[in-house]
Amino acid sequence: MKELVEVIAKSLVDSPDEVVVTEKEDDKTVVIELHVAASDMGKVIGKQGRIAKAIRSVVKAAASKVDKKVIVDII
């Protein structure tokens, strides 16, 4: 999941070297934190949060195979 979020985020931003993705895993929950440069925050979130919602939807679909709940936090 971490690699998926990282690939998507790096393709969206102007400075892909500043993209940092961390993953914390519990029993049934995985929390993925996405850190981007302040200037790229709008590109990752999108108008009315559409891009952020799309990222979460893709990750949720990928997580359905491993039967875990995935939370994507954009920081």
C-alpha atoms as a PDB file:
ATOM      1  CA  MET A   1       0.000   0.000   0.000  1.00  0.00           C
ATOM      2  CA  LYS A   2       2.824   2.357   0.891  1.00  0.00           C
ATOM      3  CA  GLU A   3       4.415   2.003  -2.537  1.00  0.00           C
ATOM      4  CA  LEU A   4       1.098   2.610  -4.282  1.00  0.00           C
ATOM      5  CA  VAL A   5       0.513   5.905  -2.450  1.00  0.00           C
ATOM      6  CA  GLU A   6       4.102   6.953  -3.073  1.00  0.00           C
ATOM      7  CA  VAL A   7       3.885   6.346  -6.833  1.00  0.00           C
ATOM      8  CA  ILE A   8       0.594   8.216  -7.121  1.00  0.00           C
ATOM      9  CA  ALA A   9       1.804  11.175  -5.058  1.00  0.00           C
ATOM     10  CA  LYS A  10       5.121  11.492  -6.880  1.00  0.00           C
ATOM     11  CA  SER A  11       3.338  11.632 -10.220  1.00  0.00           C
ATOM     12  CA  LEU A  12       1.134  14.505  -9.014  1.00  0.00           C
ATOM     13  CA  VAL A  13       3.631  16.886  -7.402  1.00  0.00           C
ATOM     14  CA  ASP A  14       6.300  19.243  -8.750  1.00  0.00           C
ATOM     15  CA  SER A  15       8.955  18.145  -6.248  1.00  0.00           C
ATOM     16  CA  PRO A  16       8.746  14.343  -5.990  1.00  0.00           C
ATOM     17  CA  ASP A  17      11.924  14.150  -3.904  1.00  0.00           C
ATOM     18  CA  GLU A  18      10.029  15.718  -0.970  1.00  0.00           C
ATOM     19  CA  VAL A  19       7.310  13.057  -0.914  1.00  0.00           C
ATOM     20  CA  VAL A  20       7.551  10.881   2.199  1.00  0.00           C
ATOM     21  CA  VAL A  21       5.159   8.033   2.928  1.00  0.00           C
ATOM     22  CA  THR A  22       5.080   6.228   6.269  1.00  0.00           C
ATOM     23  CA  GLU A  23       2.991   3.204   7.187  1.00  0.00           C
ATOM     24  CA  LYS A  24       1.763   2.155  10.630  1.00  0.00           C
ATOM     25  CA  GLU A  25       0.030  -1.189  10.964  1.00  0.00           C
ATOM     26  CA  ASP A  26      -2.234  -2.574  13.686  1.00  0.00           C
ATOM     27  CA  ASP A  27      -4.258  -5.796  13.736  1.00  0.00           C
ATOM     28  CA  LYS A  28      -6.946  -4.793  11.234  1.00  0.00           C
ATOM     29  CA  THR A  29      -5.961  -1.209  10.402  1.00  0.00           C
ATOM     30  CA  VAL A  30      -3.183   0.320   8.326  1.00  0.00           C
ATOM     31  CA  VAL A  31      -2.525   4.063   8.604  1.00  0.00           C
ATOM     32  CA  ILE A  32      -0.595   5.578   5.698  1.00  0.00           C
ATOM     33  CA  GLU A  33       0.744   9.100   6.216  1.00  0.00           C
ATOM     34  CA  LEU A  34       1.613  11.131   3.142  1.00  0.00           C
ATOM     35  CA  HIS A  35       3.943  14.106   3.613  1.00  0.00           C
ATOM     36  CA  VAL A  36       4.432  16.513   0.690  1.00  0.00           C
ATOM     37  CA  ALA A  37       5.943  19.974   0.274  1.00  0.00           C
ATOM     38  CA  ALA A  38       3.677  22.843   1.284  1.00  0.00           C
ATOM     39  CA  SER A  39       3.611  24.138  -2.289  1.00  0.00           C
ATOM     40  CA  ASP A  40       2.357  20.756  -3.549  1.00  0.00           C
ATOM     41  CA  MET A  41      -0.392  20.301  -0.962  1.00  0.00           C
ATOM     42  CA  GLY A  42      -3.088  21.677  -3.263  1.00  0.00           C
ATOM     43  CA  LYS A  43      -2.103  19.313  -6.060  1.00  0.00           C
ATOM     44  CA  VAL A  44      -2.439  16.286  -3.809  1.00  0.00           C
ATOM     45  CA  ILE A  45      -5.743  17.380  -2.270  1.00  0.00           C
ATOM     46  CA  GLY A  46      -7.343  18.795  -5.421  1.00  0.00           C
ATOM     47  CA  LYS A  47     -10.437  20.927  -5.798  1.00  0.00           C
ATOM     48  CA  GLN A  48     -12.931  20.060  -3.074  1.00  0.00           C
ATOM     49  CA  GLY A  49     -10.712  17.117  -2.093  1.00  0.00           C
ATOM     50  CA  ARG A  50     -11.392  15.135  -5.257  1.00  0.00           C
ATOM     51  CA  ILE A  51      -7.834  13.913  -5.810  1.00  0.00           C
ATOM     52  CA  ALA A  52      -7.423  12.975  -2.142  1.00  0.00           C
ATOM     53  CA  LYS A  53     -10.704  11.069  -2.308  1.00  0.00           C
ATOM     54  CA  ALA A  54      -9.560   9.293  -5.475  1.00  0.00           C
ATOM     55  CA  ILE A  55      -6.270   8.276  -3.826  1.00  0.00           C
ATOM     56  CA  ARG A  56      -8.182   6.896  -0.847  1.00  0.00           C
ATOM     57  CA  SER A  57     -10.552   4.987  -3.148  1.00  0.00           C
ATOM     58  CA  VAL A  58      -7.699   3.347  -5.063  1.00  0.00           C
ATOM     59  CA  VAL A  59      -5.922   2.365  -1.842  1.00  0.00           C
ATOM     60  CA  LYS A  60      -9.173   1.048  -0.358  1.00  0.00           C
ATOM     61  CA  ALA A  61      -9.728  -1.114  -3.437  1.00  0.00           C
ATOM     62  CA  ALA A  62      -6.200  -2.497  -3.188  1.00  0.00           C
ATOM     63  CA  ALA A  63      -6.668  -3.151   0.534  1.00  0.00           C
ATOM     64  CA  SER A  64      -9.808  -5.191   0.004  1.00  0.00           C
ATOM     65  CA  LYS A  65      -7.615  -8.096  -1.097  1.00  0.00           C
ATOM     66  CA  VAL A  66      -5.805  -8.220   2.248  1.00  0.00           C
ATOM     67  CA  ASP A  67      -8.966  -7.666   4.335  1.00  0.00           C
ATOM     68  CA  LYS A  68      -7.659  -4.645   6.239  1.00  0.00           C
ATOM     69  CA  LYS A  69      -8.981  -1.134   6.740  1.00  0.00           C
ATOM     70  CA  VAL A  70      -6.654   1.469   5.288  1.00  0.00           C
ATOM     71  CA  ILE A  71      -6.618   5.128   6.328  1.00  0.00           C
ATOM     72  CA  VAL A  72      -4.681   7.646   4.207  1.00  0.00           C
ATOM     73  CA  ASP A  73      -3.699  10.852   6.021  1.00  0.00           C
ATOM     74  CA  ILE A  74      -2.292  13.740   4.020  1.00  0.00           C
ATOM     75  CA  ILE A  75      -0.019  15.777   6.255  1.00  0.00           C
END
